[in-house]
Amino acid sequence: MQVEDVGHSAPLVIHGVDFSGADAGGAAKIRVVTRDLADPRAPVVPGGRLDRRGLARAVLASRDDGRVHLWRVDAPMSVPLEIAREFGVDASWLDAARWMASLGSPRHWRSTVRDRTRREPRRACDRELSTPMAPMNLRVFKQTWTFVSEVLLPLAEEGVRIEPCHAGRDARVRVCEGCPSSVLHAFGWPRRGYKGAGEPPRALRAQLVRRLGEVGVAVPASLAAEAERDEEGDLLDAMLLATPPFASAPPACADVEGWVY
């Protein structure tokens, strides 16, 4: 997918989303920034703090302004194809998503899979785009399950396009998977060391914000200062996903596994 691939003449609005799989629906831990490519020089705009229900509502609301929106979210959108096959849900992404949701919680989902196999395979997109962790990794499985079950599946049922897995009813609004680490890797920028307290991480966050400006992502001074102070790096991660999506032609397995843009 490229910026031009959305199939409309209207300029694209990119929403970079740092996701949270935390309990209580994310508890307003989700950070969103918005970049309207109608004016490439316009600065990114912070979208506040959301929980998962709030994120789904924001995606649905973006259908109403007549513009073309891409919501690029930092969370895995499915399981590896071999895991889907183990559970007989390999016909489509929708089958896999409904199976995940049917298990009721991220821990039950992970334990169900681990009762069958202890392997944590990576998806094709994880290998191709150098994501840091597999979808069932202990550090990320809550994000995977909650993103699929509490955000993507309800949006798909509302007709929103889930790229590249579910066509939806209107391509003006699309949700896709993004990965800040993959963006950093693609630019040749440091992928580690910018999260945490103290001067070395803070200085690296400041450097990365400046580099975003060098590639066309204008960050206002107040937002840059907030990103420098954010020791968890959530705001910076969201801004990294406001860069244009990767041009890509996903393989057939991406219809179930998803892809990173």
C-alpha atoms as a PDB file:
ATOM      1  CA  MET A   1       0.000   0.000   0.000  1.00  0.00           C
ATOM      2  CA  GLN A   2       1.180   3.487  -0.848  1.00  0.00           C
ATOM      3  CA  VAL A   3      -0.335   6.857  -0.084  1.00  0.00           C
ATOM      4  CA  GLU A   4      -1.651   6.877  -3.644  1.00  0.00           C
ATOM      5  CA  ASP A   5      -3.283   3.446  -3.292  1.00  0.00           C
ATOM      6  CA  VAL A   6      -6.287   4.613  -1.292  1.00  0.00           C
ATOM      7  CA  GLY A   7      -8.258   4.989  -4.501  1.00  0.00           C
ATOM      8  CA  HIS A   8      -9.534   8.532  -3.934  1.00  0.00           C
ATOM      9  CA  SER A   9      -8.338  11.899  -5.183  1.00  0.00           C
ATOM     10  CA  ALA A  10      -8.747  13.554  -1.772  1.00  0.00           C
ATOM     11  CA  PRO A  11      -5.545  13.995   0.268  1.00  0.00           C
ATOM     12  CA  LEU A  12      -4.820  11.369   2.894  1.00  0.00           C
ATOM     13  CA  VAL A  13      -5.134  11.959   6.634  1.00  0.00           C
ATOM     14  CA  ILE A  14      -2.727   9.707   8.543  1.00  0.00           C
ATOM     15  CA  HIS A  15      -3.369   8.880  12.190  1.00  0.00           C
ATOM     16  CA  GLY A  16      -0.381   7.420  14.042  1.00  0.00           C
ATOM     17  CA  VAL A  17      -1.584   5.349  16.996  1.00  0.00           C
ATOM     18  CA  ASP A  18       0.483   4.025  19.887  1.00  0.00           C
ATOM     19  CA  PHE A  19      -1.753   1.235  21.196  1.00  0.00           C
ATOM     20  CA  SER A  20      -2.234  -0.205  24.682  1.00  0.00           C
ATOM     21  CA  GLY A  21      -3.428  -3.648  25.708  1.00  0.00           C
ATOM     22  CA  ALA A  22      -3.627  -2.642  29.365  1.00  0.00           C
ATOM     23  CA  ASP A  23      -6.530  -3.678  31.562  1.00  0.00           C
ATOM     24  CA  ALA A  24      -9.626  -1.445  31.738  1.00  0.00           C
ATOM     25  CA  GLY A  25      -9.704  -0.880  28.010  1.00  0.00           C
ATOM     26  CA  GLY A  26      -6.325   0.766  27.802  1.00  0.00           C
ATOM     27  CA  ALA A  27      -7.235   3.286  30.530  1.00  0.00           C
ATOM     28  CA  ALA A  28      -6.615   6.298  28.277  1.00  0.00           C
ATOM     29  CA  LYS A  29      -3.102   5.023  27.503  1.00  0.00           C
ATOM     30  CA  ILE A  30      -3.547   5.116  23.716  1.00  0.00           C
ATOM     31  CA  ARG A  31      -1.807   8.076  22.067  1.00  0.00           C
ATOM     32  CA  VAL A  32      -2.907   9.410  18.673  1.00  0.00           C
ATOM     33  CA  VAL A  33      -1.397  12.056  16.428  1.00  0.00           C
ATOM     34  CA  THR A  34      -2.870  13.204  13.114  1.00  0.00           C
ATOM     35  CA  ARG A  35      -1.143  14.466   9.984  1.00  0.00           C
ATOM     36  CA  ASP A  36      -3.224  15.882   7.135  1.00  0.00           C
ATOM     37  CA  LEU A  37      -1.343  15.506   3.851  1.00  0.00           C
ATOM     38  CA  ALA A  38      -3.567  18.121   2.220  1.00  0.00           C
ATOM     39  CA  ASP A  39      -0.827  20.444   3.478  1.00  0.00           C
ATOM     40  CA  PRO A  40       2.418  18.461   3.849  1.00  0.00           C
ATOM     41  CA  ARG A  41       3.950  21.375   5.785  1.00  0.00           C
ATOM     42  CA  ALA A  42       1.201  21.389   8.414  1.00  0.00           C
ATOM     43  CA  PRO A  43       2.345  20.131  11.833  1.00  0.00           C
ATOM     44  CA  VAL A  44       1.094  16.932  13.376  1.00  0.00           C
ATOM     45  CA  VAL A  45      -1.823  17.420  15.723  1.00  0.00           C
ATOM     46  CA  PRO A  46      -2.162  15.474  18.991  1.00  0.00           C
ATOM     47  CA  GLY A  47      -5.406  13.558  19.366  1.00  0.00           C
ATOM     48  CA  GLY A  48      -5.409  13.244  23.113  1.00  0.00           C
ATOM     49  CA  ARG A  49      -5.441  10.055  25.173  1.00  0.00           C
ATOM     50  CA  LEU A  50      -7.968   7.324  24.432  1.00  0.00           C
ATOM     51  CA  ASP A  51      -9.001   3.922  25.655  1.00  0.00           C
ATOM     52  CA  ARG A  52      -9.832   1.157  23.173  1.00  0.00           C
ATOM     53  CA  ARG A  53     -13.520   2.020  22.919  1.00  0.00           C
ATOM     54  CA  GLY A  54     -12.572   5.635  22.342  1.00  0.00           C
ATOM     55  CA  LEU A  55     -10.201   4.614  19.554  1.00  0.00           C
ATOM     56  CA  ALA A  56     -12.925   2.596  17.812  1.00  0.00           C
ATOM     57  CA  ARG A  57     -15.333   5.536  18.115  1.00  0.00           C
ATOM     58  CA  ALA A  58     -12.728   7.894  16.649  1.00  0.00           C
ATOM     59  CA  VAL A  59     -12.169   5.607  13.655  1.00  0.00           C
ATOM     60  CA  LEU A  60     -15.911   5.387  12.994  1.00  0.00           C
ATOM     61  CA  ALA A  61     -16.334   9.154  13.373  1.00  0.00           C
ATOM     62  CA  SER A  62     -13.662   9.771  10.733  1.00  0.00           C
ATOM     63  CA  ARG A  63     -16.042   8.347   8.108  1.00  0.00           C
ATOM     64  CA  ASP A  64     -18.208  11.441   8.319  1.00  0.00           C
ATOM     65  CA  ASP A  65     -15.945  14.231   7.044  1.00  0.00           C
ATOM     66  CA  GLY A  66     -15.580  13.072   3.426  1.00  0.00           C
ATOM     67  CA  ARG A  67     -11.806  12.791   3.648  1.00  0.00           C
ATOM     68  CA  VAL A  68      -9.604   9.707   3.270  1.00  0.00           C
ATOM     69  CA  HIS A  69      -8.217   8.370   6.548  1.00  0.00           C
ATOM     70  CA  LEU A  70      -5.539   5.807   7.358  1.00  0.00           C
ATOM     71  CA  TRP A  71      -5.304   4.682  10.982  1.00  0.00           C
ATOM     72  CA  ARG A  72      -1.842   3.128  11.435  1.00  0.00           C
ATOM     73  CA  VAL A  73      -1.778   1.263  14.752  1.00  0.00           C
ATOM     74  CA  ASP A  74       1.168  -0.177  16.657  1.00  0.00           C
ATOM     75  CA  ALA A  75      -0.223  -3.639  17.469  1.00  0.00           C
ATOM     76  CA  PRO A  76      -0.306  -7.038  15.714  1.00  0.00           C
ATOM     77  CA  MET A  77      -3.564  -7.616  13.839  1.00  0.00           C
ATOM     78  CA  SER A  78      -3.560 -11.409  13.659  1.00  0.00           C
ATOM     79  CA  VAL A  79      -1.737 -14.664  14.322  1.00  0.00           C
ATOM     80  CA  PRO A  80       0.771 -16.526  12.143  1.00  0.00           C
ATOM     81  CA  LEU A  81      -0.850 -18.693   9.493  1.00  0.00           C
ATOM     82  CA  GLU A  82       0.485 -21.900  11.037  1.00  0.00           C
ATOM     83  CA  ILE A  83      -1.293 -21.118  14.319  1.00  0.00           C
ATOM     84  CA  ALA A  84      -4.511 -20.306  12.474  1.00  0.00           C
ATOM     85  CA  ARG A  85      -4.252 -23.689  10.729  1.00  0.00           C
ATOM     86  CA  GLU A  86      -3.734 -25.485  14.058  1.00  0.00           C
ATOM     87  CA  PHE A  87      -7.169 -24.232  15.117  1.00  0.00           C
ATOM     88  CA  GLY A  88      -8.913 -24.510  11.748  1.00  0.00           C
ATOM     89  CA  VAL A  89      -9.385 -20.750  11.298  1.00  0.00           C
ATOM     90  CA  ASP A  90      -7.139 -20.225   8.278  1.00  0.00           C
ATOM     91  CA  ALA A  91      -9.815 -19.450   5.676  1.00  0.00           C
ATOM     92  CA  SER A  92      -9.794 -15.704   6.338  1.00  0.00           C
ATOM     93  CA  TRP A  93      -8.653 -13.029   8.748  1.00  0.00           C
ATOM     94  CA  LEU A  94     -12.262 -12.669   9.894  1.00  0.00           C
ATOM     95  CA  ASP A  95     -12.377 -16.350  10.894  1.00  0.00           C
ATOM     96  CA  ALA A  96      -9.174 -15.967  12.912  1.00  0.00           C
ATOM     97  CA  ALA A  97     -10.402 -12.748  14.542  1.00  0.00           C
ATOM     98  CA  ARG A  98     -13.724 -14.299  15.576  1.00  0.00           C
ATOM     99  CA  TRP A  99     -11.918 -17.323  17.013  1.00  0.00           C
ATOM    100  CA  MET A 100      -9.660 -15.065  19.071  1.00  0.00           C
ATOM    101  CA  ALA A 101     -12.589 -13.034  20.370  1.00  0.00           C
ATOM    102  CA  SER A 102     -14.536 -16.197  21.250  1.00  0.00           C
ATOM    103  CA  LEU A 103     -11.899 -17.140  23.830  1.00  0.00           C
ATOM    104  CA  GLY A 104     -12.907 -14.193  25.977  1.00  0.00           C
ATOM    105  CA  SER A 105      -9.597 -12.799  27.233  1.00  0.00           C
ATOM    106  CA  PRO A 106      -5.970 -12.435  26.160  1.00  0.00           C
ATOM    107  CA  ARG A 107      -4.729 -14.841  28.830  1.00  0.00           C
ATOM    108  CA  HIS A 108      -7.252 -17.541  27.911  1.00  0.00           C
ATOM    109  CA  TRP A 109      -6.342 -17.116  24.250  1.00  0.00           C
ATOM    110  CA  ARG A 110      -2.619 -17.431  24.926  1.00  0.00           C
ATOM    111  CA  SER A 111      -3.028 -20.411  27.261  1.00  0.00           C
ATOM    112  CA  THR A 112      -5.265 -22.134  24.696  1.00  0.00           C
ATOM    113  CA  VAL A 113      -2.582 -21.764  22.052  1.00  0.00           C
ATOM    114  CA  ARG A 114       0.189 -22.837  24.427  1.00  0.00           C
ATOM    115  CA  ASP A 115      -1.758 -25.964  25.382  1.00  0.00           C
ATOM    116  CA  ARG A 116      -1.400 -26.946  21.713  1.00  0.00           C
ATOM    117  CA  THR A 117       2.113 -25.624  21.024  1.00  0.00           C
ATOM    118  CA  ARG A 118       4.768 -23.682  22.901  1.00  0.00           C
ATOM    119  CA  ARG A 119       6.169 -22.257  19.699  1.00  0.00           C
ATOM    120  CA  GLU A 120       5.757 -18.543  19.071  1.00  0.00           C
ATOM    121  CA  PRO A 121       6.306 -18.247  15.323  1.00  0.00           C
ATOM    122  CA  ARG A 122       6.691 -14.918  13.588  1.00  0.00           C
ATOM    123  CA  ARG A 123       4.461 -13.869  10.725  1.00  0.00           C
ATOM    124  CA  ALA A 124       5.748 -13.152   7.244  1.00  0.00           C
ATOM    125  CA  CYS A 125       5.403  -9.414   7.914  1.00  0.00           C
ATOM    126  CA  ASP A 126       7.382  -9.725  11.162  1.00  0.00           C
ATOM    127  CA  ARG A 127      10.266 -11.247   9.231  1.00  0.00           C
ATOM    128  CA  GLU A 128      10.006  -8.880   6.266  1.00  0.00           C
ATOM    129  CA  LEU A 129       9.580  -5.628   8.229  1.00  0.00           C
ATOM    130  CA  SER A 130      11.826  -6.514  11.202  1.00  0.00           C
ATOM    131  CA  THR A 131       9.232  -6.153  13.945  1.00  0.00           C
ATOM    132  CA  PRO A 132      10.706  -6.787  17.391  1.00  0.00           C
ATOM    133  CA  MET A 133       8.326  -9.507  18.660  1.00  0.00           C
ATOM    134  CA  ALA A 134       5.951 -12.250  17.526  1.00  0.00           C
ATOM    135  CA  PRO A 135       2.204 -11.674  18.159  1.00  0.00           C
ATOM    136  CA  MET A 136       2.037 -14.215  21.020  1.00  0.00           C
ATOM    137  CA  ASN A 137       5.183 -13.063  22.791  1.00  0.00           C
ATOM    138  CA  LEU A 138       4.680 -12.557  26.535  1.00  0.00           C
ATOM    139  CA  ARG A 139       5.301  -8.812  26.163  1.00  0.00           C
ATOM    140  CA  VAL A 140       2.817  -8.247  23.338  1.00  0.00           C
ATOM    141  CA  PHE A 141       0.033 -10.876  23.468  1.00  0.00           C
ATOM    142  CA  LYS A 142      -2.378  -8.564  25.320  1.00  0.00           C
ATOM    143  CA  GLN A 143      -1.972  -5.950  22.602  1.00  0.00           C
ATOM    144  CA  THR A 144      -2.600  -8.562  19.907  1.00  0.00           C
ATOM    145  CA  TRP A 145      -5.783  -9.937  21.449  1.00  0.00           C
ATOM    146  CA  THR A 146      -7.287  -6.625  22.505  1.00  0.00           C
ATOM    147  CA  PHE A 147      -6.522  -4.919  19.170  1.00  0.00           C
ATOM    148  CA  VAL A 148      -8.118  -7.758  17.215  1.00  0.00           C
ATOM    149  CA  SER A 149     -11.043  -8.526  19.507  1.00  0.00           C
ATOM    150  CA  GLU A 150     -11.973  -5.125  20.933  1.00  0.00           C
ATOM    151  CA  VAL A 151     -11.065  -2.783  18.067  1.00  0.00           C
ATOM    152  CA  LEU A 152     -10.598  -4.435  14.668  1.00  0.00           C
ATOM    153  CA  LEU A 153     -13.416  -6.980  14.813  1.00  0.00           C
ATOM    154  CA  PRO A 154     -16.095  -4.438  15.839  1.00  0.00           C
ATOM    155  CA  LEU A 155     -14.807  -2.041  13.172  1.00  0.00           C
ATOM    156  CA  ALA A 156     -14.893  -4.769  10.512  1.00  0.00           C
ATOM    157  CA  GLU A 157     -18.484  -5.553  11.472  1.00  0.00           C
ATOM    158  CA  GLU A 158     -19.246  -1.835  10.944  1.00  0.00           C
ATOM    159  CA  GLY A 159     -17.842  -2.075   7.419  1.00  0.00           C
ATOM    160  CA  VAL A 160     -14.458  -0.420   8.028  1.00  0.00           C
ATOM    161  CA  ARG A 161     -11.676  -1.671   5.777  1.00  0.00           C
ATOM    162  CA  ILE A 162      -8.937  -3.614   7.599  1.00  0.00           C
ATOM    163  CA  GLU A 163      -5.855  -3.504   5.379  1.00  0.00           C
ATOM    164  CA  PRO A 164      -5.079  -5.921   3.702  1.00  0.00           C
ATOM    165  CA  CYS A 165      -7.386  -8.533   5.237  1.00  0.00           C
ATOM    166  CA  HIS A 166     -10.952  -7.284   5.076  1.00  0.00           C
ATOM    167  CA  ALA A 167     -12.367  -5.186   2.245  1.00  0.00           C
ATOM    168  CA  GLY A 168     -15.119  -3.457   4.190  1.00  0.00           C
ATOM    169  CA  ARG A 169     -17.780  -1.336   2.523  1.00  0.00           C
ATOM    170  CA  ASP A 170     -15.916   1.950   2.064  1.00  0.00           C
ATOM    171  CA  ALA A 171     -12.209   2.420   1.373  1.00  0.00           C
ATOM    172  CA  ARG A 172     -12.236   6.039   2.567  1.00  0.00           C
ATOM    173  CA  VAL A 173     -11.336   4.830   6.061  1.00  0.00           C
ATOM    174  CA  ARG A 174      -8.751   2.103   6.543  1.00  0.00           C
ATOM    175  CA  VAL A 175      -7.053   0.641   9.584  1.00  0.00           C
ATOM    176  CA  CYS A 176      -3.662  -1.007   9.207  1.00  0.00           C
ATOM    177  CA  GLU A 177      -0.850  -2.274  11.384  1.00  0.00           C
ATOM    178  CA  GLY A 178       2.227  -0.122  11.837  1.00  0.00           C
ATOM    179  CA  CYS A 179       5.435  -0.601  13.793  1.00  0.00           C
ATOM    180  CA  PRO A 180       7.594   2.273  15.084  1.00  0.00           C
ATOM    181  CA  SER A 181      10.608  -0.032  15.272  1.00  0.00           C
ATOM    182  CA  SER A 182      10.161  -0.890  11.584  1.00  0.00           C
ATOM    183  CA  VAL A 183       9.972   2.816  10.729  1.00  0.00           C
ATOM    184  CA  LEU A 184      13.181   3.500  12.650  1.00  0.00           C
ATOM    185  CA  HIS A 185      14.860   0.560  10.916  1.00  0.00           C
ATOM    186  CA  ALA A 186      13.744   1.783   7.487  1.00  0.00           C
ATOM    187  CA  PHE A 187      15.239   5.243   8.119  1.00  0.00           C
ATOM    188  CA  GLY A 188      18.427   3.806   9.614  1.00  0.00           C
ATOM    189  CA  TRP A 189      17.742   5.510  12.963  1.00  0.00           C
ATOM    190  CA  PRO A 190      18.388   3.965  16.419  1.00  0.00           C
ATOM    191  CA  ARG A 191      15.685   1.490  17.388  1.00  0.00           C
ATOM    192  CA  ARG A 192      16.656   1.129  21.043  1.00  0.00           C
ATOM    193  CA  GLY A 193      17.632   3.418  23.853  1.00  0.00           C
ATOM    194  CA  TYR A 194      14.966   6.121  23.500  1.00  0.00           C
ATOM    195  CA  LYS A 195      12.643   4.762  26.181  1.00  0.00           C
ATOM    196  CA  GLY A 196      13.387   5.290  29.838  1.00  0.00           C
ATOM    197  CA  ALA A 197      14.351   7.913  32.386  1.00  0.00           C
ATOM    198  CA  GLY A 198      17.495   9.968  32.423  1.00  0.00           C
ATOM    199  CA  GLU A 199      19.530  11.985  30.004  1.00  0.00           C
ATOM    200  CA  PRO A 200      20.654   9.458  27.369  1.00  0.00           C
ATOM    201  CA  PRO A 201      17.074   8.353  26.494  1.00  0.00           C
ATOM    202  CA  ARG A 202      15.745  11.922  26.666  1.00  0.00           C
ATOM    203  CA  ALA A 203      18.486  13.175  24.355  1.00  0.00           C
ATOM    204  CA  LEU A 204      17.770  10.395  21.875  1.00  0.00           C
ATOM    205  CA  ARG A 205      14.044  11.184  21.907  1.00  0.00           C
ATOM    206  CA  ALA A 206      14.890  14.805  21.134  1.00  0.00           C
ATOM    207  CA  GLN A 207      17.162  13.720  18.304  1.00  0.00           C
ATOM    208  CA  LEU A 208      14.489  11.466  16.789  1.00  0.00           C
ATOM    209  CA  VAL A 209      11.904  14.249  16.935  1.00  0.00           C
ATOM    210  CA  ARG A 210      14.308  16.502  15.029  1.00  0.00           C
ATOM    211  CA  ARG A 211      14.880  13.777  12.454  1.00  0.00           C
ATOM    212  CA  LEU A 212      11.149  13.480  11.909  1.00  0.00           C
ATOM    213  CA  GLY A 213      11.213  17.107  10.846  1.00  0.00           C
ATOM    214  CA  GLU A 214      13.952  16.269   8.343  1.00  0.00           C
ATOM    215  CA  VAL A 215      11.669  13.733   6.627  1.00  0.00           C
ATOM    216  CA  GLY A 216       8.689  16.074   6.444  1.00  0.00           C
ATOM    217  CA  VAL A 217       6.850  15.385   9.705  1.00  0.00           C
ATOM    218  CA  ALA A 218       6.569  18.838  11.244  1.00  0.00           C
ATOM    219  CA  VAL A 219       6.346  18.647  15.047  1.00  0.00           C
ATOM    220  CA  PRO A 220       5.316  21.823  16.911  1.00  0.00           C
ATOM    221  CA  ALA A 221       7.608  22.885  19.735  1.00  0.00           C
ATOM    222  CA  SER A 222       5.119  22.109  22.504  1.00  0.00           C
ATOM    223  CA  LEU A 223       4.582  18.575  21.188  1.00  0.00           C
ATOM    224  CA  ALA A 224       8.317  18.045  20.735  1.00  0.00           C
ATOM    225  CA  ALA A 225       8.891  19.032  24.363  1.00  0.00           C
ATOM    226  CA  GLU A 226       6.175  16.645  25.522  1.00  0.00           C
ATOM    227  CA  ALA A 227       7.690  13.809  23.478  1.00  0.00           C
ATOM    228  CA  GLU A 228      11.084  14.461  25.068  1.00  0.00           C
ATOM    229  CA  ARG A 229       9.531  14.270  28.561  1.00  0.00           C
ATOM    230  CA  ASP A 230       7.558  11.089  27.787  1.00  0.00           C
ATOM    231  CA  GLU A 231       9.819   8.431  29.277  1.00  0.00           C
ATOM    232  CA  GLU A 232       7.735   5.579  27.873  1.00  0.00           C
ATOM    233  CA  GLY A 233       8.167   6.920  24.347  1.00  0.00           C
ATOM    234  CA  ASP A 234       4.462   6.545  23.550  1.00  0.00           C
ATOM    235  CA  LEU A 235       4.043   9.956  21.943  1.00  0.00           C
ATOM    236  CA  LEU A 236       7.193   9.540  19.844  1.00  0.00           C
ATOM    237  CA  ASP A 237       5.973   6.115  18.695  1.00  0.00           C
ATOM    238  CA  ALA A 238       2.685   7.649  17.557  1.00  0.00           C
ATOM    239  CA  MET A 239       4.545  10.376  15.656  1.00  0.00           C
ATOM    240  CA  LEU A 240       6.762   7.799  13.934  1.00  0.00           C
ATOM    241  CA  LEU A 241       3.578   6.244  12.552  1.00  0.00           C
ATOM    242  CA  ALA A 242       2.585   9.591  11.023  1.00  0.00           C
ATOM    243  CA  THR A 243       5.238   9.006   8.352  1.00  0.00           C
ATOM    244  CA  PRO A 244       3.889   7.660   5.030  1.00  0.00           C
ATOM    245  CA  PRO A 245       3.116   3.917   5.041  1.00  0.00           C
ATOM    246  CA  PHE A 246       5.581   1.514   3.448  1.00  0.00           C
ATOM    247  CA  ALA A 247       4.994   0.662  -0.202  1.00  0.00           C
ATOM    248  CA  SER A 248       4.294  -3.051  -0.203  1.00  0.00           C
ATOM    249  CA  ALA A 249       2.731  -5.941  -2.087  1.00  0.00           C
ATOM    250  CA  PRO A 250       1.774  -8.398   0.679  1.00  0.00           C
ATOM    251  CA  PRO A 251       1.950 -12.151  -0.002  1.00  0.00           C
ATOM    252  CA  ALA A 252      -1.157 -14.333   0.049  1.00  0.00           C
ATOM    253  CA  CYS A 253      -0.657 -15.302   3.708  1.00  0.00           C
ATOM    254  CA  ALA A 254      -1.255 -11.651   4.668  1.00  0.00           C
ATOM    255  CA  ASP A 255      -4.964 -12.200   3.992  1.00  0.00           C
ATOM    256  CA  VAL A 256      -5.001 -14.039   7.342  1.00  0.00           C
ATOM    257  CA  GLU A 257      -1.831 -12.840   9.089  1.00  0.00           C
ATOM    258  CA  GLY A 258      -2.079  -9.137   8.326  1.00  0.00           C
ATOM    259  CA  TRP A 259       0.797  -6.943   7.190  1.00  0.00           C
ATOM    260  CA  VAL A 260       2.877  -4.064   8.499  1.00  0.00           C
ATOM    261  CA  TYR A 261       2.673  -0.752   6.598  1.00  0.00           C
END
